[in-house]
Amino acid sequence: MFTRTELEVKSLRALRDLCLIQYGIQAIGNPADKASYINALLTFPVVACKQVSENKGLKSPIFSQVESTRSSTRGYGNTYTRTVCITQSDDGRKKVRVPSAVQSREAIWTVSG
């Protein structure tokens, strides 16, 4: 996810927002110390992977769940639409404006007409 160097250059507020708002994790130790948030951000992916392997916390999806996700992705249509939907859900790092239904219909009519 992040390297220690990437986290050390962030402000205390930015680290706190990453932990509490974006990932929902608490600081390890004193919340007034940057190192507490850095340690939490560096260790939580390891803990999450360990919990998955122990069948705790997050669980690996079963085949039917993967298939339903795949079929719903196919329903998005062309590759561009899939890219927009995936990009839109990419941790908020990239902001893409999704066209309204009217704009989508107009684009379809323009391409097919």
N, C-alpha and C. Protein backbone atom coordinates (compact mmCIF):
# COMPACT_ATOMS: atom_id res chain seq x y z
N MET A 1 0.83 -1.18 0.00
CA MET A 1 0.00 0.00 0.00
C MET A 1 0.88 1.25 0.00
N PHE A 2 1.52 1.52 1.11
CA PHE A 2 2.37 2.69 1.22
C PHE A 2 3.74 2.26 1.71
N THR A 3 4.74 3.04 1.36
CA THR A 3 6.06 2.83 1.94
C THR A 3 6.20 3.75 3.14
N ARG A 4 7.14 3.43 4.00
CA ARG A 4 7.37 4.28 5.17
C ARG A 4 7.73 5.70 4.72
N THR A 5 8.54 5.82 3.67
CA THR A 5 8.96 7.13 3.17
C THR A 5 7.76 7.95 2.71
N GLU A 6 6.83 7.33 2.01
CA GLU A 6 5.63 8.04 1.55
C GLU A 6 4.81 8.54 2.74
N LEU A 7 4.76 7.76 3.79
CA LEU A 7 3.96 8.14 4.96
C LEU A 7 4.65 9.20 5.81
N GLU A 8 5.96 9.14 5.90
CA GLU A 8 6.68 10.08 6.76
C GLU A 8 6.59 11.52 6.27
N VAL A 9 6.40 11.72 4.98
CA VAL A 9 6.31 13.09 4.46
C VAL A 9 4.90 13.68 4.62
N LYS A 10 3.94 12.86 4.97
CA LYS A 10 2.56 13.36 5.16
C LYS A 10 2.44 14.05 6.52
N SER A 11 1.51 14.97 6.61
CA SER A 11 1.26 15.67 7.88
C SER A 11 0.49 14.74 8.83
N LEU A 12 0.48 15.12 10.09
CA LEU A 12 -0.26 14.35 11.08
C LEU A 12 -1.74 14.28 10.72
N ARG A 13 -2.29 15.39 10.26
CA ARG A 13 -3.70 15.42 9.87
C ARG A 13 -3.98 14.48 8.69
N ALA A 14 -3.09 14.49 7.69
CA ALA A 14 -3.27 13.62 6.53
C ALA A 14 -3.20 12.15 6.94
N LEU A 15 -2.28 11.82 7.83
CA LEU A 15 -2.16 10.45 8.32
C LEU A 15 -3.41 10.04 9.11
N ARG A 16 -3.87 10.95 9.95
CA ARG A 16 -5.08 10.67 10.74
C ARG A 16 -6.28 10.44 9.82
N ASP A 17 -6.42 11.29 8.79
CA ASP A 17 -7.53 11.13 7.85
C ASP A 17 -7.43 9.80 7.10
N LEU A 18 -6.22 9.42 6.69
CA LEU A 18 -6.05 8.13 6.02
C LEU A 18 -6.51 6.99 6.92
N CYS A 19 -6.05 7.03 8.17
CA CYS A 19 -6.40 5.94 9.10
C CYS A 19 -7.89 5.93 9.42
N LEU A 20 -8.37 7.03 9.94
CA LEU A 20 -9.73 7.06 10.48
C LEU A 20 -10.81 7.14 9.42
N ILE A 21 -10.63 8.00 8.44
CA ILE A 21 -11.70 8.23 7.47
C ILE A 21 -11.64 7.22 6.32
N GLN A 22 -10.46 7.06 5.72
CA GLN A 22 -10.39 6.22 4.53
C GLN A 22 -10.36 4.73 4.86
N TYR A 23 -9.62 4.33 5.89
CA TYR A 23 -9.46 2.90 6.18
C TYR A 23 -10.16 2.44 7.47
N GLY A 24 -10.60 3.36 8.30
CA GLY A 24 -11.32 2.99 9.51
C GLY A 24 -10.48 2.26 10.53
N ILE A 25 -9.20 2.62 10.66
CA ILE A 25 -8.33 1.97 11.65
C ILE A 25 -7.85 3.02 12.65
N GLN A 26 -7.51 2.55 13.84
CA GLN A 26 -7.05 3.42 14.92
C GLN A 26 -5.52 3.50 14.93
N ALA A 27 -5.00 4.57 15.49
CA ALA A 27 -3.56 4.71 15.67
C ALA A 27 -3.08 3.68 16.68
N ILE A 28 -1.85 3.22 16.49
CA ILE A 28 -1.25 2.30 17.45
C ILE A 28 -0.42 3.13 18.41
N GLY A 29 -0.95 3.35 19.60
CA GLY A 29 -0.24 4.17 20.59
C GLY A 29 -0.85 5.55 20.71
N ASN A 30 0.00 6.54 20.84
CA ASN A 30 -0.41 7.92 21.08
C ASN A 30 -0.94 8.55 19.79
N PRO A 31 -2.22 8.96 19.76
CA PRO A 31 -2.78 9.55 18.54
C PRO A 31 -2.22 10.93 18.21
N ALA A 32 -1.42 11.51 19.07
CA ALA A 32 -0.80 12.81 18.78
C ALA A 32 0.56 12.63 18.12
N ASP A 33 0.95 11.39 17.86
CA ASP A 33 2.26 11.09 17.29
C ASP A 33 2.11 10.51 15.89
N LYS A 34 2.85 11.05 14.93
CA LYS A 34 2.79 10.56 13.55
C LYS A 34 3.15 9.08 13.46
N ALA A 35 4.12 8.66 14.27
CA ALA A 35 4.58 7.27 14.21
C ALA A 35 3.46 6.29 14.53
N SER A 36 2.52 6.69 15.37
CA SER A 36 1.39 5.81 15.72
C SER A 36 0.53 5.51 14.49
N TYR A 37 0.29 6.53 13.70
CA TYR A 37 -0.50 6.35 12.49
C TYR A 37 0.29 5.62 11.40
N ILE A 38 1.57 5.94 11.30
CA ILE A 38 2.42 5.27 10.31
C ILE A 38 2.48 3.77 10.60
N ASN A 39 2.67 3.41 11.86
CA ASN A 39 2.72 1.99 12.23
C ASN A 39 1.40 1.29 11.92
N ALA A 40 0.30 1.96 12.19
CA ALA A 40 -1.01 1.37 11.90
C ALA A 40 -1.18 1.14 10.40
N LEU A 41 -0.79 2.12 9.59
CA LEU A 41 -0.93 2.00 8.14
C LEU A 41 0.00 0.95 7.54
N LEU A 42 1.16 0.77 8.14
CA LEU A 42 2.11 -0.22 7.63
C LEU A 42 1.74 -1.65 8.04
N THR A 43 1.07 -1.81 9.17
CA THR A 43 0.79 -3.16 9.65
C THR A 43 -0.59 -3.69 9.28
N PHE A 44 -1.56 -2.81 9.02
CA PHE A 44 -2.91 -3.33 8.81
C PHE A 44 -3.06 -4.22 7.57
N PRO A 45 -2.34 -4.01 6.45
CA PRO A 45 -2.48 -4.96 5.33
C PRO A 45 -1.97 -6.35 5.69
N VAL A 46 -0.91 -6.41 6.49
CA VAL A 46 -0.35 -7.70 6.90
C VAL A 46 -1.34 -8.42 7.80
N VAL A 47 -1.92 -7.69 8.74
CA VAL A 47 -2.90 -8.28 9.65
C VAL A 47 -4.13 -8.75 8.87
N ALA A 48 -4.58 -7.95 7.90
CA ALA A 48 -5.74 -8.33 7.11
C ALA A 48 -5.47 -9.61 6.32
N CYS A 49 -4.30 -9.72 5.71
CA CYS A 49 -3.96 -10.93 4.94
C CYS A 49 -3.87 -12.15 5.85
N LYS A 50 -3.33 -11.96 7.04
CA LYS A 50 -3.23 -13.06 8.00
C LYS A 50 -4.62 -13.51 8.43
N GLN A 51 -5.53 -12.56 8.67
CA GLN A 51 -6.89 -12.90 9.06
C GLN A 51 -7.61 -13.66 7.95
N VAL A 52 -7.38 -13.28 6.70
CA VAL A 52 -8.01 -13.99 5.58
C VAL A 52 -7.51 -15.42 5.54
N SER A 53 -6.20 -15.61 5.71
CA SER A 53 -5.65 -16.98 5.67
C SER A 53 -6.13 -17.82 6.84
N GLU A 54 -6.48 -17.18 7.96
CA GLU A 54 -7.00 -17.89 9.13
C GLU A 54 -8.52 -17.99 9.10
N ASN A 55 -9.13 -17.52 8.03
CA ASN A 55 -10.58 -17.52 7.86
C ASN A 55 -11.29 -16.67 8.92
N LYS A 56 -10.66 -15.57 9.29
CA LYS A 56 -11.24 -14.59 10.21
C LYS A 56 -11.41 -13.28 9.44
N GLY A 57 -12.20 -12.38 9.99
CA GLY A 57 -12.34 -11.07 9.36
C GLY A 57 -12.86 -11.19 7.94
N LEU A 58 -12.12 -10.62 7.00
CA LEU A 58 -12.49 -10.73 5.60
C LEU A 58 -12.36 -12.18 5.16
N LYS A 59 -13.24 -12.59 4.31
CA LYS A 59 -13.21 -13.96 3.82
C LYS A 59 -12.98 -13.95 2.31
N SER A 60 -12.32 -14.98 1.81
CA SER A 60 -12.15 -15.10 0.37
C SER A 60 -13.51 -15.37 -0.25
N PRO A 61 -13.78 -14.76 -1.41
CA PRO A 61 -15.10 -14.99 -2.03
C PRO A 61 -15.22 -16.41 -2.56
N ILE A 62 -16.44 -16.94 -2.51
CA ILE A 62 -16.68 -18.26 -3.07
C ILE A 62 -16.93 -18.12 -4.56
N PHE A 63 -16.92 -19.22 -5.28
CA PHE A 63 -17.01 -19.21 -6.74
C PHE A 63 -18.26 -18.47 -7.21
N SER A 64 -19.40 -18.71 -6.58
CA SER A 64 -20.64 -18.07 -7.04
C SER A 64 -20.57 -16.55 -6.89
N GLN A 65 -19.88 -16.06 -5.87
CA GLN A 65 -19.74 -14.62 -5.70
C GLN A 65 -18.86 -14.02 -6.79
N VAL A 66 -17.80 -14.74 -7.14
CA VAL A 66 -16.92 -14.27 -8.21
C VAL A 66 -17.69 -14.26 -9.53
N GLU A 67 -18.47 -15.29 -9.78
CA GLU A 67 -19.25 -15.37 -11.02
C GLU A 67 -20.29 -14.25 -11.10
N SER A 68 -20.96 -13.95 -9.98
CA SER A 68 -21.97 -12.89 -10.03
C SER A 68 -21.31 -11.54 -10.26
N THR A 69 -20.12 -11.34 -9.70
CA THR A 69 -19.40 -10.10 -9.94
C THR A 69 -18.99 -10.00 -11.41
N ARG A 70 -18.53 -11.11 -11.96
CA ARG A 70 -18.12 -11.14 -13.37
C ARG A 70 -19.31 -10.84 -14.28
N SER A 71 -20.46 -11.45 -13.99
CA SER A 71 -21.62 -11.23 -14.87
C SER A 71 -22.13 -9.80 -14.74
N SER A 72 -22.07 -9.22 -13.54
CA SER A 72 -22.51 -7.83 -13.42
C SER A 72 -21.55 -6.89 -14.12
N THR A 73 -20.27 -7.23 -14.15
CA THR A 73 -19.30 -6.42 -14.87
C THR A 73 -19.57 -6.46 -16.37
N ARG A 74 -19.96 -7.62 -16.87
CA ARG A 74 -20.29 -7.74 -18.29
C ARG A 74 -21.47 -6.83 -18.66
N GLY A 75 -22.37 -6.63 -17.71
CA GLY A 75 -23.53 -5.80 -17.96
C GLY A 75 -23.20 -4.33 -18.17
N TYR A 76 -21.98 -3.92 -17.81
CA TYR A 76 -21.60 -2.53 -18.01
C TYR A 76 -21.42 -2.18 -19.48
N GLY A 77 -21.25 -3.20 -20.30
CA GLY A 77 -21.13 -2.92 -21.73
C GLY A 77 -19.70 -2.84 -22.19
N ASN A 78 -19.38 -1.77 -22.89
CA ASN A 78 -18.06 -1.67 -23.52
C ASN A 78 -16.94 -1.47 -22.50
N THR A 79 -15.73 -1.62 -22.97
CA THR A 79 -14.55 -1.53 -22.11
C THR A 79 -14.44 -0.15 -21.47
N TYR A 80 -14.77 0.91 -22.20
CA TYR A 80 -14.68 2.26 -21.65
C TYR A 80 -15.58 2.41 -20.43
N THR A 81 -16.82 1.91 -20.52
CA THR A 81 -17.75 2.01 -19.41
C THR A 81 -17.21 1.25 -18.20
N ARG A 82 -16.68 0.06 -18.42
CA ARG A 82 -16.10 -0.71 -17.31
C ARG A 82 -14.96 0.07 -16.67
N THR A 83 -14.12 0.66 -17.50
CA THR A 83 -12.99 1.42 -16.98
C THR A 83 -13.45 2.58 -16.11
N VAL A 84 -14.48 3.28 -16.55
CA VAL A 84 -15.01 4.40 -15.78
C VAL A 84 -15.54 3.91 -14.44
N CYS A 85 -16.30 2.83 -14.44
CA CYS A 85 -16.88 2.32 -13.20
C CYS A 85 -15.79 1.84 -12.24
N ILE A 86 -14.79 1.16 -12.76
CA ILE A 86 -13.71 0.67 -11.90
C ILE A 86 -12.89 1.85 -11.39
N THR A 87 -12.60 2.80 -12.25
CA THR A 87 -11.83 3.97 -11.84
C THR A 87 -12.58 4.75 -10.78
N GLN A 88 -13.89 4.86 -10.93
CA GLN A 88 -14.70 5.60 -9.97
C GLN A 88 -14.63 4.97 -8.59
N SER A 89 -14.46 3.66 -8.52
CA SER A 89 -14.44 2.98 -7.24
C SER A 89 -13.02 2.73 -6.73
N ASP A 90 -12.03 3.35 -7.33
CA ASP A 90 -10.63 3.11 -7.00
C ASP A 90 -10.19 3.97 -5.83
N ASP A 91 -10.73 3.70 -4.64
CA ASP A 91 -10.33 4.39 -3.40
C ASP A 91 -10.44 5.92 -3.49
N GLY A 92 -11.17 6.43 -4.46
CA GLY A 92 -11.31 7.87 -4.58
C GLY A 92 -10.04 8.55 -5.06
N ARG A 93 -9.05 7.80 -5.49
CA ARG A 93 -7.79 8.42 -5.91
C ARG A 93 -7.95 9.14 -7.24
N LYS A 94 -8.80 8.62 -8.10
CA LYS A 94 -9.04 9.26 -9.39
C LYS A 94 -10.50 9.68 -9.41
N LYS A 95 -10.75 10.88 -9.81
CA LYS A 95 -12.13 11.36 -9.87
C LYS A 95 -12.55 11.46 -11.32
N VAL A 96 -13.53 10.66 -11.69
CA VAL A 96 -14.07 10.68 -13.04
C VAL A 96 -15.56 10.95 -12.94
N ARG A 97 -16.03 11.90 -13.71
CA ARG A 97 -17.46 12.21 -13.68
C ARG A 97 -18.18 11.18 -14.54
N VAL A 98 -19.12 10.49 -13.91
CA VAL A 98 -19.91 9.50 -14.63
C VAL A 98 -21.04 10.21 -15.34
N PRO A 99 -21.22 9.94 -16.64
CA PRO A 99 -22.27 10.63 -17.39
C PRO A 99 -23.66 10.22 -16.89
N SER A 100 -24.60 11.13 -17.02
CA SER A 100 -25.97 10.82 -16.64
C SER A 100 -26.58 9.86 -17.66
N ALA A 101 -27.75 9.34 -17.34
CA ALA A 101 -28.43 8.42 -18.25
C ALA A 101 -28.75 9.09 -19.58
N VAL A 102 -29.14 10.35 -19.55
CA VAL A 102 -29.47 11.08 -20.78
C VAL A 102 -28.21 11.22 -21.64
N GLN A 103 -27.10 11.60 -21.02
CA GLN A 103 -25.85 11.74 -21.77
C GLN A 103 -25.41 10.40 -22.35
N SER A 104 -25.60 9.32 -21.61
CA SER A 104 -25.23 7.99 -22.10
C SER A 104 -26.06 7.63 -23.32
N ARG A 105 -27.39 7.88 -23.26
CA ARG A 105 -28.26 7.58 -24.39
C ARG A 105 -27.88 8.42 -25.61
N GLU A 106 -27.57 9.69 -25.37
CA GLU A 106 -27.17 10.55 -26.49
C GLU A 106 -25.90 10.04 -27.14
N ALA A 107 -24.95 9.58 -26.32
CA ALA A 107 -23.69 9.05 -26.85
C ALA A 107 -23.94 7.80 -27.66
N ILE A 108 -24.83 6.93 -27.19
CA ILE A 108 -25.16 5.70 -27.91
C ILE A 108 -25.80 6.02 -29.25
N TRP A 109 -26.75 6.97 -29.26
CA TRP A 109 -27.42 7.34 -30.50
C TRP A 109 -26.43 7.98 -31.47
N THR A 110 -25.48 8.75 -30.96
CA THR A 110 -24.49 9.39 -31.82
C THR A 110 -23.60 8.34 -32.47
N VAL A 111 -23.17 7.35 -31.68
CA VAL A 111 -22.29 6.32 -32.21
C VAL A 111 -23.02 5.41 -33.18
N SER A 112 -24.26 5.01 -32.83
CA SER A 112 -24.99 4.06 -33.68
C SER A 112 -25.71 4.74 -34.84
N GLY A 113 -25.95 6.04 -34.75
CA GLY A 113 -26.73 6.71 -35.78
C GLY A 113 -25.85 7.35 -36.74
